[in-house]
Each structure stands twice: as structure tokens, then as C-alpha cells.
Amino acid sequence: MKKMTMLILFVMVFATILPNKAVAQEVPYFTFTTDSENYFLRTQTAYTPAKEITAFDGHSFVEPNHVFVDNEDNVYISDTGLNQVIILDKTLSYQGFLESE
């Protein structure tokens, strides 16, 4: 019993003296907000990206500008270079596009 107590004590002491490490990854953008006089202020990162989408259905984006997510989690990405709105489902699979005339 005494050996077990000493082993537990040793493990606890050893675990507390190990350096604690925090891992963080830089995000590819900055987050801003405005103050009461409409000046932009850089703030802490609002969210971190889970996935980067650079192509869809074998095609690449040209100038993606805006992203919209509807109530069913479908994602709409406007690409002014293609003059299209790309539609992805909630699993980010390509569903189609809307094209301006």
C-alpha cells in the first residue's frame, strides 16, 4: 500500500513540474470592430477556420468576395471574377451555381 501511495505521489509531483504548453495557430486574417466614432480597431480573433476551400467541382475561385450561410447551412460564395454565386451544402459539397446575365 505504501508503494502505491508513493507511486501516485511521484506521478502527481512529476506531472505538475512538466511545462504546460498551449498550442495556437495564426489565422490568415485580422478581425476588426468599430468604436463609437467609427474608427476601426483590431480585436481578438472572432473565429478560426476549420477548412479552406480553394476549388469546387474541379474549378478554382477567381475573386471570391462574400459568403452567406442560410438556415439549412447551405453556403453561398459570391465570386465576382466568375460572375457566379457558388452553392455548397452543409458538408461543403458542390451543389451548383447562380450566374449573372
PDB file of N, CA and C in Angstrom:
ATOM      1  N   MET A   1       0.824  -1.191   0.000  1.00  0.00           N
ATOM      2  CA  MET A   1       0.000   0.000   0.000  1.00  0.00           C
ATOM      3  C   MET A   1       0.869   1.255   0.000  1.00  0.00           C
ATOM      4  N   LYS A   2       1.972   1.184   0.773  1.00  0.00           N
ATOM      5  CA  LYS A   2       2.852   2.338   0.856  1.00  0.00           C
ATOM      6  C   LYS A   2       3.517   2.604  -0.500  1.00  0.00           C
ATOM      7  N   LYS A   3       3.879   1.535  -1.225  1.00  0.00           N
ATOM      8  CA  LYS A   3       4.489   1.705  -2.541  1.00  0.00           C
ATOM      9  C   LYS A   3       3.507   2.355  -3.520  1.00  0.00           C
ATOM     10  N   MET A   4       2.239   1.960  -3.453  1.00  0.00           N
ATOM     11  CA  MET A   4       1.224   2.534  -4.337  1.00  0.00           C
ATOM     12  C   MET A   4       1.034   4.013  -4.040  1.00  0.00           C
ATOM     13  N   THR A   5       1.001   4.379  -2.773  1.00  0.00           N
ATOM     14  CA  THR A   5       0.860   5.781  -2.382  1.00  0.00           C
ATOM     15  C   THR A   5       2.046   6.593  -2.874  1.00  0.00           C
ATOM     16  N   MET A   6       3.246   6.049  -2.725  1.00  0.00           N
ATOM     17  CA  MET A   6       4.446   6.752  -3.182  1.00  0.00           C
ATOM     18  C   MET A   6       4.438   6.892  -4.710  1.00  0.00           C
ATOM     19  N   LEU A   7       3.977   5.873  -5.410  1.00  0.00           N
ATOM     20  CA  LEU A   7       3.913   5.933  -6.863  1.00  0.00           C
ATOM     21  C   LEU A   7       2.935   7.012  -7.322  1.00  0.00           C
ATOM     22  N   ILE A   8       1.774   7.048  -6.704  1.00  0.00           N
ATOM     23  CA  ILE A   8       0.776   8.070  -7.047  1.00  0.00           C
ATOM     24  C   ILE A   8       1.316   9.456  -6.738  1.00  0.00           C
ATOM     25  N   LEU A   9       1.950   9.625  -5.601  1.00  0.00           N
ATOM     26  CA  LEU A   9       2.536  10.909  -5.225  1.00  0.00           C
ATOM     27  C   LEU A   9       3.617  11.322  -6.222  1.00  0.00           C
ATOM     28  N   PHE A  10       4.468  10.375  -6.611  1.00  0.00           N
ATOM     29  CA  PHE A  10       5.529  10.657  -7.576  1.00  0.00           C
ATOM     30  C   PHE A  10       4.941  11.111  -8.920  1.00  0.00           C
ATOM     31  N   VAL A  11       3.917  10.412  -9.400  1.00  0.00           N
ATOM     32  CA  VAL A  11       3.286  10.768 -10.675  1.00  0.00           C
ATOM     33  C   VAL A  11       2.658  12.153 -10.593  1.00  0.00           C
ATOM     34  N   MET A  12       2.000  12.458  -9.486  1.00  0.00           N
ATOM     35  CA  MET A  12       1.369  13.770  -9.332  1.00  0.00           C
ATOM     36  C   MET A  12       2.409  14.884  -9.295  1.00  0.00           C
ATOM     37  N   VAL A  13       3.487  14.692  -8.565  1.00  0.00           N
ATOM     38  CA  VAL A  13       4.541  15.704  -8.490  1.00  0.00           C
ATOM     39  C   VAL A  13       5.203  15.865  -9.856  1.00  0.00           C
ATOM     40  N   PHE A  14       5.500  14.758 -10.510  1.00  0.00           N
ATOM     41  CA  PHE A  14       6.138  14.803 -11.819  1.00  0.00           C
ATOM     42  C   PHE A  14       5.250  15.524 -12.835  1.00  0.00           C
ATOM     43  N   ALA A  15       3.947  15.268 -12.786  1.00  0.00           N
ATOM     44  CA  ALA A  15       3.023  15.904 -13.724  1.00  0.00           C
ATOM     45  C   ALA A  15       2.926  17.406 -13.501  1.00  0.00           C
ATOM     46  N   THR A  16       3.074  17.854 -12.272  1.00  0.00           N
ATOM     47  CA  THR A  16       2.968  19.291 -12.004  1.00  0.00           C
ATOM     48  C   THR A  16       4.226  20.056 -12.371  1.00  0.00           C
ATOM     49  N   ILE A  17       5.375  19.387 -12.435  1.00  0.00           N
ATOM     50  CA  ILE A  17       6.594  20.114 -12.780  1.00  0.00           C
ATOM     51  C   ILE A  17       6.862  20.127 -14.281  1.00  0.00           C
ATOM     52  N   LEU A  18       6.126  19.341 -15.055  1.00  0.00           N
ATOM     53  CA  LEU A  18       6.285  19.378 -16.504  1.00  0.00           C
ATOM     54  C   LEU A  18       5.778  20.715 -17.028  1.00  0.00           C
ATOM     55  N   PRO A  19       6.449  21.274 -18.021  1.00  0.00           N
ATOM     56  CA  PRO A  19       5.970  22.549 -18.566  1.00  0.00           C
ATOM     57  C   PRO A  19       4.646  22.360 -19.303  1.00  0.00           C
ATOM     58  N   ASN A  20       3.739  23.278 -19.051  1.00  0.00           N
ATOM     59  CA  ASN A  20       2.453  23.255 -19.749  1.00  0.00           C
ATOM     60  C   ASN A  20       2.621  23.987 -21.067  1.00  0.00           C
ATOM     61  N   LYS A  21       2.085  23.434 -22.130  1.00  0.00           N
ATOM     62  CA  LYS A  21       2.208  24.048 -23.439  1.00  0.00           C
ATOM     63  C   LYS A  21       0.825  24.349 -23.984  1.00  0.00           C
ATOM     64  N   ALA A  22       0.698  25.530 -24.524  1.00  0.00           N
ATOM     65  CA  ALA A  22      -0.521  25.898 -25.229  1.00  0.00           C
ATOM     66  C   ALA A  22      -0.182  25.989 -26.705  1.00  0.00           C
ATOM     67  N   VAL A  23      -1.021  25.413 -27.519  1.00  0.00           N
ATOM     68  CA  VAL A  23      -0.772  25.408 -28.952  1.00  0.00           C
ATOM     69  C   VAL A  23      -1.835  26.265 -29.623  1.00  0.00           C
ATOM     70  N   ALA A  24      -1.388  27.193 -30.441  1.00  0.00           N
ATOM     71  CA  ALA A  24      -2.307  28.045 -31.188  1.00  0.00           C
ATOM     72  C   ALA A  24      -1.748  28.259 -32.579  1.00  0.00           C
ATOM     73  N   GLN A  25      -2.633  28.405 -33.508  1.00  0.00           N
ATOM     74  CA  GLN A  25      -2.209  28.635 -34.881  1.00  0.00           C
ATOM     75  C   GLN A  25      -2.693  30.008 -35.313  1.00  0.00           C
ATOM     76  N   GLU A  26      -1.842  30.711 -36.036  1.00  0.00           N
ATOM     77  CA  GLU A  26      -2.231  32.010 -36.559  1.00  0.00           C
ATOM     78  C   GLU A  26      -3.325  31.826 -37.607  1.00  0.00           C
ATOM     79  N   VAL A  27      -4.238  32.765 -37.650  1.00  0.00           N
ATOM     80  CA  VAL A  27      -5.288  32.727 -38.657  1.00  0.00           C
ATOM     81  C   VAL A  27      -4.889  33.634 -39.819  1.00  0.00           C
ATOM     82  N   PRO A  28      -5.403  33.374 -41.012  1.00  0.00           N
ATOM     83  CA  PRO A  28      -4.974  34.137 -42.187  1.00  0.00           C
ATOM     84  C   PRO A  28      -5.709  35.463 -42.381  1.00  0.00           C
ATOM     85  N   TYR A  29      -6.181  36.067 -41.316  1.00  0.00           N
ATOM     86  CA  TYR A  29      -6.920  37.322 -41.429  1.00  0.00           C
ATOM     87  C   TYR A  29      -6.872  38.047 -40.092  1.00  0.00           C
ATOM     88  N   PHE A  30      -7.338  39.287 -40.085  1.00  0.00           N
ATOM     89  CA  PHE A  30      -7.465  40.065 -38.860  1.00  0.00           C
ATOM     90  C   PHE A  30      -8.942  40.359 -38.629  1.00  0.00           C
ATOM     91  N   THR A  31      -9.330  40.497 -37.382  1.00  0.00           N
ATOM     92  CA  THR A  31     -10.700  40.836 -37.031  1.00  0.00           C
ATOM     93  C   THR A  31     -10.724  42.271 -36.528  1.00  0.00           C
ATOM     94  N   PHE A  32     -11.688  43.042 -37.012  1.00  0.00           N
ATOM     95  CA  PHE A  32     -11.805  44.441 -36.625  1.00  0.00           C
ATOM     96  C   PHE A  32     -13.206  44.724 -36.120  1.00  0.00           C
ATOM     97  N   THR A  33     -13.327  45.766 -35.318  1.00  0.00           N
ATOM     98  CA  THR A  33     -14.614  46.295 -34.899  1.00  0.00           C
ATOM     99  C   THR A  33     -14.500  47.812 -34.958  1.00  0.00           C
ATOM    100  N   THR A  34     -15.592  48.509 -34.783  1.00  0.00           N
ATOM    101  CA  THR A  34     -15.539  49.970 -34.795  1.00  0.00           C
ATOM    102  C   THR A  34     -15.883  50.506 -33.419  1.00  0.00           C
ATOM    103  N   ASP A  35     -15.282  51.646 -33.101  1.00  0.00           N
ATOM    104  CA  ASP A  35     -15.591  52.294 -31.831  1.00  0.00           C
ATOM    105  C   ASP A  35     -16.755  53.262 -32.034  1.00  0.00           C
ATOM    106  N   SER A  36     -17.043  54.068 -31.025  1.00  0.00           N
ATOM    107  CA  SER A  36     -18.186  54.975 -31.078  1.00  0.00           C
ATOM    108  C   SER A  36     -18.037  56.064 -32.135  1.00  0.00           C
ATOM    109  N   GLU A  37     -16.812  56.297 -32.610  1.00  0.00           N
ATOM    110  CA  GLU A  37     -16.581  57.304 -33.650  1.00  0.00           C
ATOM    111  C   GLU A  37     -16.296  56.663 -35.009  1.00  0.00           C
ATOM    112  N   ASN A  38     -16.641  55.393 -35.141  1.00  0.00           N
ATOM    113  CA  ASN A  38     -16.480  54.620 -36.376  1.00  0.00           C
ATOM    114  C   ASN A  38     -15.037  54.444 -36.828  1.00  0.00           C
ATOM    115  N   TYR A  39     -14.100  54.454 -35.890  1.00  0.00           N
ATOM    116  CA  TYR A  39     -12.717  54.108 -36.199  1.00  0.00           C
ATOM    117  C   TYR A  39     -12.570  52.594 -36.059  1.00  0.00           C
ATOM    118  N   PHE A  40     -11.833  51.998 -36.984  1.00  0.00           N
ATOM    119  CA  PHE A  40     -11.612  50.558 -36.921  1.00  0.00           C
ATOM    120  C   PHE A  40     -10.569  50.224 -35.865  1.00  0.00           C
ATOM    121  N   LEU A  41     -10.868  49.227 -35.047  1.00  0.00           N
ATOM    122  CA  LEU A  41      -9.959  48.741 -34.017  1.00  0.00           C
ATOM    123  C   LEU A  41      -9.748  47.250 -34.233  1.00  0.00           C
ATOM    124  N   ARG A  42      -8.489  46.839 -34.218  1.00  0.00           N
ATOM    125  CA  ARG A  42      -8.205  45.408 -34.350  1.00  0.00           C
ATOM    126  C   ARG A  42      -8.557  44.723 -33.033  1.00  0.00           C
ATOM    127  N   THR A  43      -9.271  43.605 -33.130  1.00  0.00           N
ATOM    128  CA  THR A  43      -9.693  42.876 -31.936  1.00  0.00           C
ATOM    129  C   THR A  43      -9.177  41.443 -32.001  1.00  0.00           C
ATOM    130  N   GLN A  44      -9.438  40.706 -30.942  1.00  0.00           N
ATOM    131  CA  GLN A  44      -9.018  39.307 -30.929  1.00  0.00           C
ATOM    132  C   GLN A  44      -9.766  38.535 -32.005  1.00  0.00           C
ATOM    133  N   THR A  45      -9.203  37.446 -32.420  1.00  0.00           N
ATOM    134  CA  THR A  45      -9.781  36.643 -33.484  1.00  0.00           C
ATOM    135  C   THR A  45     -11.174  36.169 -33.093  1.00  0.00           C
ATOM    136  N   ALA A  46     -12.129  36.418 -33.968  1.00  0.00           N
ATOM    137  CA  ALA A  46     -13.515  36.063 -33.671  1.00  0.00           C
ATOM    138  C   ALA A  46     -13.777  34.575 -33.861  1.00  0.00           C
ATOM    139  N   TYR A  47     -13.100  33.968 -34.815  1.00  0.00           N
ATOM    140  CA  TYR A  47     -13.265  32.538 -35.067  1.00  0.00           C
ATOM    141  C   TYR A  47     -12.025  32.027 -35.790  1.00  0.00           C
ATOM    142  N   THR A  48     -11.863  30.737 -35.789  1.00  0.00           N
ATOM    143  CA  THR A  48     -10.750  30.139 -36.523  1.00  0.00           C
ATOM    144  C   THR A  48     -11.314  29.251 -37.625  1.00  0.00           C
ATOM    145  N   PRO A  49     -10.731  29.296 -38.788  1.00  0.00           N
ATOM    146  CA  PRO A  49     -11.259  28.492 -39.890  1.00  0.00           C
ATOM    147  C   PRO A  49     -11.045  27.002 -39.663  1.00  0.00           C
ATOM    148  N   ALA A  50     -12.052  26.222 -40.007  1.00  0.00           N
ATOM    149  CA  ALA A  50     -11.945  24.771 -39.883  1.00  0.00           C
ATOM    150  C   ALA A  50     -11.466  24.145 -41.184  1.00  0.00           C
ATOM    151  N   LYS A  51     -11.708  24.844 -42.295  1.00  0.00           N
ATOM    152  CA  LYS A  51     -11.353  24.288 -43.594  1.00  0.00           C
ATOM    153  C   LYS A  51     -11.170  25.431 -44.585  1.00  0.00           C
ATOM    154  N   GLU A  52     -10.234  25.271 -45.483  1.00  0.00           N
ATOM    155  CA  GLU A  52     -10.026  26.249 -46.550  1.00  0.00           C
ATOM    156  C   GLU A  52     -10.482  25.629 -47.862  1.00  0.00           C
ATOM    157  N   ILE A  53     -11.368  26.325 -48.556  1.00  0.00           N
ATOM    158  CA  ILE A  53     -11.883  25.841 -49.829  1.00  0.00           C
ATOM    159  C   ILE A  53     -11.271  26.703 -50.926  1.00  0.00           C
ATOM    160  N   THR A  54     -10.498  26.098 -51.802  1.00  0.00           N
ATOM    161  CA  THR A  54      -9.865  26.846 -52.888  1.00  0.00           C
ATOM    162  C   THR A  54     -10.408  26.455 -54.252  1.00  0.00           C
ATOM    163  N   ALA A  55     -11.142  25.357 -54.307  1.00  0.00           N
ATOM    164  CA  ALA A  55     -11.697  24.896 -55.577  1.00  0.00           C
ATOM    165  C   ALA A  55     -13.031  24.201 -55.331  1.00  0.00           C
ATOM    166  N   PHE A  56     -13.826  24.104 -56.386  1.00  0.00           N
ATOM    167  CA  PHE A  56     -15.121  23.441 -56.310  1.00  0.00           C
ATOM    168  C   PHE A  56     -15.371  22.743 -57.636  1.00  0.00           C
ATOM    169  N   ASP A  57     -15.818  21.531 -57.602  1.00  0.00           N
ATOM    170  CA  ASP A  57     -16.182  20.768 -58.797  1.00  0.00           C
ATOM    171  C   ASP A  57     -15.118  20.863 -59.893  1.00  0.00           C
ATOM    172  N   GLY A  58     -13.844  20.842 -59.500  1.00  0.00           N
ATOM    173  CA  GLY A  58     -12.750  20.895 -60.458  1.00  0.00           C
ATOM    174  C   GLY A  58     -12.375  22.288 -60.935  1.00  0.00           C
ATOM    175  N   HIS A  59     -13.040  23.325 -60.430  1.00  0.00           N
ATOM    176  CA  HIS A  59     -12.758  24.708 -60.831  1.00  0.00           C
ATOM    177  C   HIS A  59     -12.196  25.478 -59.646  1.00  0.00           C
ATOM    178  N   SER A  60     -11.438  26.504 -59.928  1.00  0.00           N
ATOM    179  CA  SER A  60     -10.880  27.346 -58.865  1.00  0.00           C
ATOM    180  C   SER A  60     -11.648  28.658 -58.777  1.00  0.00           C
ATOM    181  N   PHE A  61     -11.642  29.254 -57.603  1.00  0.00           N
ATOM    182  CA  PHE A  61     -12.206  30.581 -57.438  1.00  0.00           C
ATOM    183  C   PHE A  61     -11.301  31.594 -58.134  1.00  0.00           C
ATOM    184  N   VAL A  62     -11.888  32.677 -58.635  1.00  0.00           N
ATOM    185  CA  VAL A  62     -11.116  33.749 -59.258  1.00  0.00           C
ATOM    186  C   VAL A  62     -11.021  34.928 -58.294  1.00  0.00           C
ATOM    187  N   GLU A  63     -12.167  35.476 -57.884  1.00  0.00           N
ATOM    188  CA  GLU A  63     -12.215  36.573 -56.917  1.00  0.00           C
ATOM    189  C   GLU A  63     -13.368  36.348 -55.938  1.00  0.00           C
ATOM    190  N   PRO A  64     -13.237  35.399 -55.015  1.00  0.00           N
ATOM    191  CA  PRO A  64     -14.318  35.197 -54.042  1.00  0.00           C
ATOM    192  C   PRO A  64     -14.413  36.401 -53.115  1.00  0.00           C
ATOM    193  N   ASN A  65     -15.637  36.892 -52.893  1.00  0.00           N
ATOM    194  CA  ASN A  65     -15.807  38.109 -52.100  1.00  0.00           C
ATOM    195  C   ASN A  65     -16.658  37.939 -50.857  1.00  0.00           C
ATOM    196  N   HIS A  66     -17.822  37.353 -51.000  1.00  0.00           N
ATOM    197  CA  HIS A  66     -18.757  37.281 -49.876  1.00  0.00           C
ATOM    198  C   HIS A  66     -19.200  35.843 -49.639  1.00  0.00           C
ATOM    199  N   VAL A  67     -19.547  35.571 -48.384  1.00  0.00           N
ATOM    200  CA  VAL A  67     -20.045  34.249 -48.001  1.00  0.00           C
ATOM    201  C   VAL A  67     -21.347  34.447 -47.240  1.00  0.00           C
ATOM    202  N   PHE A  68     -22.335  33.630 -47.549  1.00  0.00           N
ATOM    203  CA  PHE A  68     -23.613  33.661 -46.853  1.00  0.00           C
ATOM    204  C   PHE A  68     -23.996  32.231 -46.513  1.00  0.00           C
ATOM    205  N   VAL A  69     -24.507  32.012 -45.306  1.00  0.00           N
ATOM    206  CA  VAL A  69     -24.977  30.695 -44.874  1.00  0.00           C
ATOM    207  C   VAL A  69     -26.456  30.823 -44.542  1.00  0.00           C
ATOM    208  N   ASP A  70     -27.295  29.992 -45.156  1.00  0.00           N
ATOM    209  CA  ASP A  70     -28.732  30.078 -44.907  1.00  0.00           C
ATOM    210  C   ASP A  70     -29.145  29.234 -43.699  1.00  0.00           C
ATOM    211  N   ASN A  71     -30.441  29.186 -43.433  1.00  0.00           N
ATOM    212  CA  ASN A  71     -30.961  28.467 -42.260  1.00  0.00           C
ATOM    213  C   ASN A  71     -30.728  26.966 -42.324  1.00  0.00           C
ATOM    214  N   GLU A  72     -30.521  26.424 -43.513  1.00  0.00           N
ATOM    215  CA  GLU A  72     -30.281  24.990 -43.675  1.00  0.00           C
ATOM    216  C   GLU A  72     -28.793  24.684 -43.803  1.00  0.00           C
ATOM    217  N   ASP A  73     -27.944  25.650 -43.476  1.00  0.00           N
ATOM    218  CA  ASP A  73     -26.478  25.535 -43.514  1.00  0.00           C
ATOM    219  C   ASP A  73     -25.903  25.369 -44.915  1.00  0.00           C
ATOM    220  N   ASN A  74     -26.666  25.747 -45.941  1.00  0.00           N
ATOM    221  CA  ASN A  74     -26.099  25.814 -47.283  1.00  0.00           C
ATOM    222  C   ASN A  74     -25.217  27.052 -47.350  1.00  0.00           C
ATOM    223  N   VAL A  75     -24.102  26.950 -48.072  1.00  0.00           N
ATOM    224  CA  VAL A  75     -23.137  28.041 -48.148  1.00  0.00           C
ATOM    225  C   VAL A  75     -23.166  28.620 -49.558  1.00  0.00           C
ATOM    226  N   TYR A  76     -23.277  29.947 -49.636  1.00  0.00           N
ATOM    227  CA  TYR A  76     -23.280  30.653 -50.909  1.00  0.00           C
ATOM    228  C   TYR A  76     -22.043  31.546 -50.943  1.00  0.00           C
ATOM    229  N   ILE A  77     -21.197  31.360 -51.955  1.00  0.00           N
ATOM    230  CA  ILE A  77     -19.964  32.134 -52.078  1.00  0.00           C
ATOM    231  C   ILE A  77     -20.032  32.915 -53.379  1.00  0.00           C
ATOM    232  N   SER A  78     -20.007  34.248 -53.277  1.00  0.00           N
ATOM    233  CA  SER A  78     -20.019  35.055 -54.498  1.00  0.00           C
ATOM    234  C   SER A  78     -18.596  35.212 -55.012  1.00  0.00           C
ATOM    235  N   ASP A  79     -18.436  34.996 -56.300  1.00  0.00           N
ATOM    236  CA  ASP A  79     -17.137  35.142 -56.956  1.00  0.00           C
ATOM    237  C   ASP A  79     -17.316  36.138 -58.092  1.00  0.00           C
ATOM    238  N   THR A  80     -16.840  37.370 -57.893  1.00  0.00           N
ATOM    239  CA  THR A  80     -17.019  38.410 -58.901  1.00  0.00           C
ATOM    240  C   THR A  80     -16.169  38.156 -60.135  1.00  0.00           C
ATOM    241  N   GLY A  81     -15.092  37.420 -59.996  1.00  0.00           N
ATOM    242  CA  GLY A  81     -14.273  37.081 -61.153  1.00  0.00           C
ATOM    243  C   GLY A  81     -14.981  36.127 -62.096  1.00  0.00           C
ATOM    244  N   LEU A  82     -15.820  35.271 -61.555  1.00  0.00           N
ATOM    245  CA  LEU A  82     -16.590  34.326 -62.368  1.00  0.00           C
ATOM    246  C   LEU A  82     -18.001  34.827 -62.661  1.00  0.00           C
ATOM    247  N   ASN A  83     -18.409  35.909 -61.989  1.00  0.00           N
ATOM    248  CA  ASN A  83     -19.789  36.409 -62.052  1.00  0.00           C
ATOM    249  C   ASN A  83     -20.775  35.311 -61.677  1.00  0.00           C
ATOM    250  N   GLN A  84     -20.447  34.584 -60.603  1.00  0.00           N
ATOM    251  CA  GLN A  84     -21.285  33.482 -60.151  1.00  0.00           C
ATOM    252  C   GLN A  84     -21.397  33.481 -58.634  1.00  0.00           C
ATOM    253  N   VAL A  85     -22.451  32.839 -58.165  1.00  0.00           N
ATOM    254  CA  VAL A  85     -22.586  32.502 -56.754  1.00  0.00           C
ATOM    255  C   VAL A  85     -22.508  30.983 -56.684  1.00  0.00           C
ATOM    256  N   ILE A  86     -21.494  30.476 -56.009  1.00  0.00           N
ATOM    257  CA  ILE A  86     -21.277  29.042 -55.886  1.00  0.00           C
ATOM    258  C   ILE A  86     -22.100  28.541 -54.705  1.00  0.00           C
ATOM    259  N   ILE A  87     -22.790  27.430 -54.863  1.00  0.00           N
ATOM    260  CA  ILE A  87     -23.643  26.882 -53.805  1.00  0.00           C
ATOM    261  C   ILE A  87     -23.028  25.577 -53.304  1.00  0.00           C
ATOM    262  N   LEU A  88     -22.801  25.510 -51.991  1.00  0.00           N
ATOM    263  CA  LEU A  88     -22.293  24.304 -51.337  1.00  0.00           C
ATOM    264  C   LEU A  88     -23.307  23.872 -50.289  1.00  0.00           C
ATOM    265  N   ASP A  89     -23.418  22.567 -50.052  1.00  0.00           N
ATOM    266  CA  ASP A  89     -24.316  22.107 -48.991  1.00  0.00           C
ATOM    267  C   ASP A  89     -23.606  22.181 -47.640  1.00  0.00           C
ATOM    268  N   LYS A  90     -24.262  21.703 -46.592  1.00  0.00           N
ATOM    269  CA  LYS A  90     -23.687  21.839 -45.247  1.00  0.00           C
ATOM    270  C   LYS A  90     -22.440  20.995 -45.030  1.00  0.00           C
ATOM    271  N   THR A  91     -22.174  20.033 -45.926  1.00  0.00           N
ATOM    272  CA  THR A  91     -20.923  19.270 -45.844  1.00  0.00           C
ATOM    273  C   THR A  91     -19.860  19.879 -46.753  1.00  0.00           C
ATOM    274  N   LEU A  92     -20.166  21.046 -47.315  1.00  0.00           N
ATOM    275  CA  LEU A  92     -19.288  21.794 -48.225  1.00  0.00           C
ATOM    276  C   LEU A  92     -19.063  21.071 -49.547  1.00  0.00           C
ATOM    277  N   SER A  93     -20.048  20.276 -49.955  1.00  0.00           N
ATOM    278  CA  SER A  93     -20.014  19.630 -51.265  1.00  0.00           C
ATOM    279  C   SER A  93     -20.676  20.552 -52.288  1.00  0.00           C
ATOM    280  N   TYR A  94     -20.113  20.608 -53.466  1.00  0.00           N
ATOM    281  CA  TYR A  94     -20.614  21.473 -54.535  1.00  0.00           C
ATOM    282  C   TYR A  94     -22.017  21.052 -54.949  1.00  0.00           C
ATOM    283  N   GLN A  95     -22.948  22.025 -55.013  1.00  0.00           N
ATOM    284  CA  GLN A  95     -24.329  21.755 -55.398  1.00  0.00           C
ATOM    285  C   GLN A  95     -24.721  22.432 -56.705  1.00  0.00           C
ATOM    286  N   GLY A  96     -24.030  23.489 -57.079  1.00  0.00           N
ATOM    287  CA  GLY A  96     -24.379  24.210 -58.301  1.00  0.00           C
ATOM    288  C   GLY A  96     -23.956  25.664 -58.188  1.00  0.00           C
ATOM    289  N   PHE A  97     -24.486  26.485 -59.101  1.00  0.00           N
ATOM    290  CA  PHE A  97     -24.135  27.901 -59.076  1.00  0.00           C
ATOM    291  C   PHE A  97     -25.279  28.730 -59.630  1.00  0.00           C
ATOM    292  N   LEU A  98     -25.258  30.003 -59.286  1.00  0.00           N
ATOM    293  CA  LEU A  98     -26.147  31.002 -59.860  1.00  0.00           C
ATOM    294  C   LEU A  98     -25.252  31.921 -60.674  1.00  0.00           C
ATOM    295  N   GLU A  99     -25.694  32.272 -61.876  1.00  0.00           N
ATOM    296  CA  GLU A  99     -24.846  33.089 -62.743  1.00  0.00           C
ATOM    297  C   GLU A  99     -25.579  34.361 -63.128  1.00  0.00           C
ATOM    298  N   SER A 100     -24.861  35.484 -63.122  1.00  0.00           N
ATOM    299  CA  SER A 100     -25.473  36.739 -63.543  1.00  0.00           C
ATOM    300  C   SER A 100     -25.461  36.821 -65.062  1.00  0.00           C
ATOM    301  N   GLU A 101     -26.437  37.527 -65.589  1.00  0.00           N
ATOM    302  CA  GLU A 101     -26.541  37.633 -67.055  1.00  0.00           C
ATOM    303  C   GLU A 101     -25.823  38.852 -67.566  1.00  0.00           C
TER     304      GLU A 101
END
